[in-house]
Protein backbone atom coordinates (compact mmCIF):
# COMPACT_ATOMS: atom_id res chain seq x y z
CA UNK A 1 -9.42 -3.49 -15.06
CA UNK A 2 -7.95 -1.19 -12.41
CA UNK A 3 -8.46 2.54 -13.01
CA UNK A 4 -5.06 3.87 -14.11
CA UNK A 5 -5.42 7.23 -12.38
CA UNK A 6 -1.64 7.58 -11.94
CA UNK A 7 -1.26 8.10 -15.68
CA UNK A 8 -3.74 10.99 -15.61
CA UNK A 9 -1.59 14.09 -16.14
CA UNK A 10 -3.28 16.20 -13.46
CA UNK A 11 -3.28 13.45 -10.85
CA UNK A 12 0.33 12.53 -11.58
CA UNK A 13 1.44 16.16 -11.26
CA UNK A 14 -0.26 16.49 -7.86
CA UNK A 15 0.93 13.09 -6.64
CA UNK A 16 4.51 13.90 -7.65
CA UNK A 17 4.46 16.82 -5.20
CA UNK A 18 3.55 14.75 -2.14
CA UNK A 19 6.32 14.19 0.45
CA UNK A 20 6.33 10.43 -0.25
CA UNK A 21 7.01 11.26 -3.91
CA UNK A 22 9.75 13.85 -3.34
CA UNK A 23 11.42 12.34 -0.25
CA UNK A 24 10.79 8.65 -0.87
CA UNK A 25 10.31 6.30 2.06
CA UNK A 26 11.42 9.01 4.48
CA UNK A 27 8.43 11.07 3.38
CA UNK A 28 5.95 8.29 4.20
CA UNK A 29 5.01 8.72 7.88
CA UNK A 30 3.97 5.06 8.25
CA UNK A 31 7.27 3.75 6.86
CA UNK A 32 9.07 3.16 10.21
CA UNK A 33 6.23 0.90 11.41
CA UNK A 34 5.98 -0.85 8.06
CA UNK A 35 9.75 -1.35 7.93
CA UNK A 36 9.65 -2.94 11.39
CA UNK A 37 7.35 -5.67 10.03
CA UNK A 38 9.82 -6.74 7.35
CA UNK A 39 12.10 -9.76 7.73
CA UNK A 40 15.87 -9.46 7.18
CA UNK A 41 16.25 -9.07 3.43
CA UNK A 42 19.70 -10.57 2.89
CA UNK A 43 19.58 -12.86 -0.13
CA UNK A 44 15.81 -12.55 -0.56
CA UNK A 45 13.90 -12.54 -3.83
CA UNK A 46 11.35 -9.74 -3.52
CA UNK A 47 8.19 -8.81 -5.41
CA UNK A 48 6.90 -5.24 -5.02
CA UNK A 49 3.26 -4.89 -6.11
CA UNK A 50 2.34 -1.31 -6.98
CA UNK A 51 6.01 -0.31 -6.94
CA UNK A 52 5.41 3.27 -8.09
CA UNK A 53 8.64 5.25 -8.33
CA UNK A 54 10.71 2.28 -7.13
CA UNK A 55 11.66 3.68 -3.72
CA UNK A 56 11.12 0.36 -1.91
CA UNK A 57 12.75 -1.72 -4.65
CA UNK A 58 15.95 0.29 -4.35
CA UNK A 59 15.82 0.24 -0.55
CA UNK A 60 15.40 -3.55 -0.57
CA UNK A 61 18.50 -3.96 -2.71
CA UNK A 62 20.46 -1.58 -0.48
CA UNK A 63 19.45 -3.80 2.45
CA UNK A 64 20.61 -7.06 0.95
CA UNK A 65 17.84 -8.38 -1.30
CA UNK A 66 19.26 -10.52 -4.09
CA UNK A 67 16.68 -9.58 -6.71
CA UNK A 68 13.61 -7.32 -6.82
CA UNK A 69 10.72 -7.31 -9.28
CA UNK A 70 8.55 -4.19 -9.27
CA UNK A 71 5.11 -4.20 -10.89
CA UNK A 72 2.87 -1.20 -11.53
CA UNK A 73 0.06 -0.26 -13.89
CA UNK A 74 1.35 3.27 -14.49
CA UNK A 75 3.76 3.96 -17.36
CA UNK A 76 4.47 7.39 -15.85
CA UNK A 77 5.46 5.89 -12.51
CA UNK A 78 7.60 3.21 -14.09
CA UNK A 79 9.36 5.69 -16.36
CA UNK A 80 10.61 7.56 -13.32
CA UNK A 81 11.44 4.31 -11.49
CA UNK A 82 13.62 3.18 -14.38
CA UNK A 83 15.22 6.61 -14.66
CA UNK A 84 16.17 6.59 -10.97
CA UNK A 85 17.36 2.96 -10.86
CA UNK A 86 20.83 1.86 -11.88
CA UNK A 87 20.75 -1.75 -10.74
CA UNK A 88 20.45 -4.79 -12.99
CA UNK A 89 19.06 -6.81 -10.07
CA UNK A 90 15.89 -4.69 -10.13
CA UNK A 91 13.34 -5.33 -12.87
CA UNK A 92 10.20 -3.30 -13.53
CA UNK A 93 7.10 -4.53 -15.34
CA UNK A 94 3.93 -2.72 -16.37
CA UNK A 95 0.88 -4.80 -15.48
CA UNK A 96 -2.63 -4.47 -14.04
CA UNK A 97 -2.67 -6.18 -10.65
CA UNK A 98 -6.24 -7.30 -11.37
CA UNK A 99 -4.74 -9.65 -13.99
CA UNK A 100 -1.11 -10.06 -12.98
CA UNK A 101 -0.06 -13.59 -12.00
CA UNK A 102 3.42 -13.94 -10.48
CA UNK A 103 5.44 -17.08 -11.13
CA UNK A 104 4.80 -19.81 -8.53
CA UNK A 105 7.26 -20.57 -5.75
CA UNK A 106 9.72 -17.84 -6.75
CA UNK A 107 9.66 -15.18 -4.03
CA UNK A 108 10.67 -14.96 -0.37
CA UNK A 109 8.88 -11.67 0.25
CA UNK A 110 5.98 -9.90 -1.42
CA UNK A 111 5.57 -6.25 -0.45
CA UNK A 112 2.86 -3.76 -1.34
CA UNK A 113 2.32 -0.18 -0.22
CA UNK A 114 -1.10 1.44 -0.62
CA UNK A 115 -2.15 -0.51 -3.71
CA UNK A 116 -4.58 -3.25 -2.65
CA UNK A 117 -7.43 -0.85 -1.87
CA UNK A 118 -7.68 -0.07 -5.60
CA UNK A 119 -8.39 -3.70 -6.54
CA UNK A 120 -11.75 -5.38 -7.05
CA UNK A 121 -10.51 -8.98 -7.27
CA UNK A 122 -8.14 -8.88 -4.34
CA UNK A 123 -9.00 -12.44 -3.32
CA UNK A 124 -7.67 -13.73 -6.65
CA UNK A 125 -4.43 -11.75 -6.34
CA UNK A 126 -3.85 -12.87 -2.74
CA UNK A 127 -4.26 -16.51 -3.74
CA UNK A 128 -1.71 -16.03 -6.53
CA UNK A 129 0.65 -14.20 -4.16
CA UNK A 130 0.45 -17.10 -1.72
CA UNK A 131 1.28 -19.46 -4.59
CA UNK A 132 4.23 -17.25 -5.62
CA UNK A 133 5.84 -17.43 -2.18
CA UNK A 134 8.11 -20.19 -0.95
CA UNK A 135 6.84 -21.98 2.20
CA UNK A 136 7.33 -19.59 5.08
CA UNK A 137 7.56 -16.63 2.71
CA UNK A 138 6.13 -13.33 3.86
CA UNK A 139 3.56 -10.86 2.59
CA UNK A 140 3.86 -7.39 4.13
CA UNK A 141 1.50 -4.68 2.93
CA UNK A 142 -0.29 -1.46 3.73
CA UNK A 143 -3.68 -0.15 2.65
CA UNK A 144 -5.71 2.90 3.53
CA UNK A 145 -7.46 2.09 6.78
CA UNK A 146 -11.09 1.05 6.22
CA UNK A 147 -12.22 4.04 8.27
CA UNK A 148 -10.59 6.13 5.53
CA UNK A 149 -12.15 4.26 2.63
CA UNK A 150 -15.68 3.91 4.05
CA UNK A 151 -16.96 7.45 3.30
CA UNK A 152 -17.33 8.27 -0.38
CA UNK A 153 -15.61 11.64 0.04
CA UNK A 154 -14.10 11.75 3.52
CA UNK A 155 -13.04 14.95 5.20
CA UNK A 156 -12.88 16.46 8.65
CA UNK A 157 -15.85 18.44 9.95
CA UNK A 158 -16.54 20.22 13.24
CA UNK A 159 -19.25 19.30 15.72
CA UNK A 160 -21.27 21.70 17.89
CA UNK A 161 -18.53 21.64 20.54
CA UNK A 162 -15.86 22.65 18.04
CA UNK A 163 -14.25 19.20 17.96
CA UNK A 164 -12.90 17.68 14.78
CA UNK A 165 -15.10 14.82 13.56
CA UNK A 166 -14.27 12.20 10.94
CA UNK A 167 -17.30 10.78 9.09
CA UNK A 168 -17.93 7.04 9.26
CA UNK A 169 -20.48 6.22 6.58
CA UNK A 170 -21.52 2.79 5.44
CA UNK A 171 -18.60 0.98 7.05
CA UNK A 172 -20.23 -2.45 6.57
CA UNK A 173 -21.30 -1.65 3.00
CA UNK A 174 -18.28 -2.88 1.10
CA UNK A 175 -17.54 -2.05 -2.49
CA UNK A 176 -16.62 0.71 -4.88
CA UNK A 177 -16.04 4.27 -3.72
CA UNK A 178 -15.49 7.22 -6.05
CA UNK A 179 -13.53 9.87 -4.20
CA UNK A 180 -11.98 13.23 -4.99
CA UNK A 181 -8.31 12.98 -4.00
CA UNK A 182 -5.74 14.89 -6.07
CA UNK A 183 -8.25 14.53 -8.93
CA UNK A 184 -11.97 13.93 -9.29
CA UNK A 185 -13.39 10.42 -9.52
CA UNK A 186 -10.59 8.32 -8.04
CA UNK A 187 -11.91 4.74 -7.71
CA UNK A 188 -11.09 2.76 -4.56
CA UNK A 189 -12.58 -0.38 -3.00
CA UNK A 190 -13.78 -0.31 0.58
CA UNK A 191 -13.34 -3.46 2.69
CA UNK A 192 -13.64 -3.95 6.43
CA UNK A 193 -10.67 -5.04 8.51
CA UNK A 194 -12.36 -8.40 8.98
CA UNK A 195 -12.62 -8.91 5.23
CA UNK A 196 -8.94 -8.17 4.66
CA UNK A 197 -7.84 -10.60 7.36
CA UNK A 198 -10.29 -13.34 6.40
CA UNK A 199 -9.21 -13.16 2.75
CA UNK A 200 -5.63 -13.74 3.86
CA UNK A 201 -6.55 -16.65 6.13
CA UNK A 202 -8.75 -18.22 3.47
CA UNK A 203 -5.93 -18.44 0.90
CA UNK A 204 -3.47 -19.92 3.39
CA UNK A 205 -1.70 -17.09 5.21
CA UNK A 206 -0.98 -16.95 8.93
CA UNK A 207 -1.37 -13.43 10.36
CA UNK A 208 1.79 -12.36 12.19
CA UNK A 209 1.04 -8.74 13.00
CA UNK A 210 -1.56 -6.06 12.33
CA UNK A 211 -1.00 -2.34 12.91
CA UNK A 212 -3.66 0.36 12.74
CA UNK A 213 -1.33 3.23 12.03
CA UNK A 214 -1.74 6.80 13.14
CA UNK A 215 0.95 9.34 14.06
CA UNK A 216 2.78 8.72 17.31
CA UNK A 217 2.93 11.36 20.04
CA UNK A 218 6.55 11.93 19.06
CA UNK A 219 5.52 12.58 15.47
CA UNK A 220 2.83 14.99 16.63
CA UNK A 221 5.46 16.96 18.55
CA UNK A 222 7.40 17.33 15.31
CA UNK A 223 4.26 17.95 13.26
CA UNK A 224 1.57 19.58 15.45
CA UNK A 225 -0.78 19.70 12.44
CA UNK A 226 -0.95 15.90 12.67
CA UNK A 227 -2.63 15.98 16.09
CA UNK A 228 -6.09 15.58 14.57
CA UNK A 229 -4.87 12.47 12.72
CA UNK A 230 -4.74 10.59 16.05
CA UNK A 231 -8.55 10.64 16.10
CA UNK A 232 -8.65 7.72 13.65
CA UNK A 233 -5.97 5.49 12.08
CA UNK A 234 -4.86 6.38 8.56
CA UNK A 235 -3.37 3.08 7.44
CA UNK A 236 -3.73 -0.65 8.02
CA UNK A 237 -0.40 -2.51 8.03
CA UNK A 238 -0.35 -6.31 7.84
CA UNK A 239 2.43 -8.88 8.09
CA UNK A 240 1.59 -12.49 7.25
CA UNK A 241 3.33 -15.75 6.41
CA UNK A 242 2.60 -18.39 3.77
CA UNK A 243 1.76 -21.70 5.39
């Protein structure tokens, strides 16, 4: 079973103060690149895995999706999603993605933002996602970049020359990581880029595009404190198609 850290009161309080929680998609710096991977949504049936506060579900409807199903393990997240959603074409369900099985052949697009790196049995879910998509349907998702998930408790340090250094520890040693992020003992699963892509290929997806996201130079001009973030990518963005 996935750790339901988002229903921990302390974690939820801290998470609710992040820009992506208060500003929605506009507060997620990787959103413009992720949005560019999406197909036109007009008339599409969409599944949002790890839907959180429902920001993407509402955006998808505003951009023409016919119906959106949002799934999340957190009752706290879903309570706010339902509170902020006044649209009968959006449905929210509470479920653990480790066990959730979407209906076969129902969806045109499956979307997930920063959820898959929490899952142990991702191969099982990806196979079921492929089965849930119509032929030619798309899966577009983001995860924390494997350089972010490799260290148990990552954080910038300074070398002898005064340069910022990001630790890379045990990159090839895949598996559970317990990290301190917004709360102590947050459980994530580290996988290499190769593992993510090979899992997708193995269950029948064709890879369309892969982005290793870090802030652009334009974003650094607006946010000089992000300059150090160009030293390693923060997110892995993937667009693939069901064969």
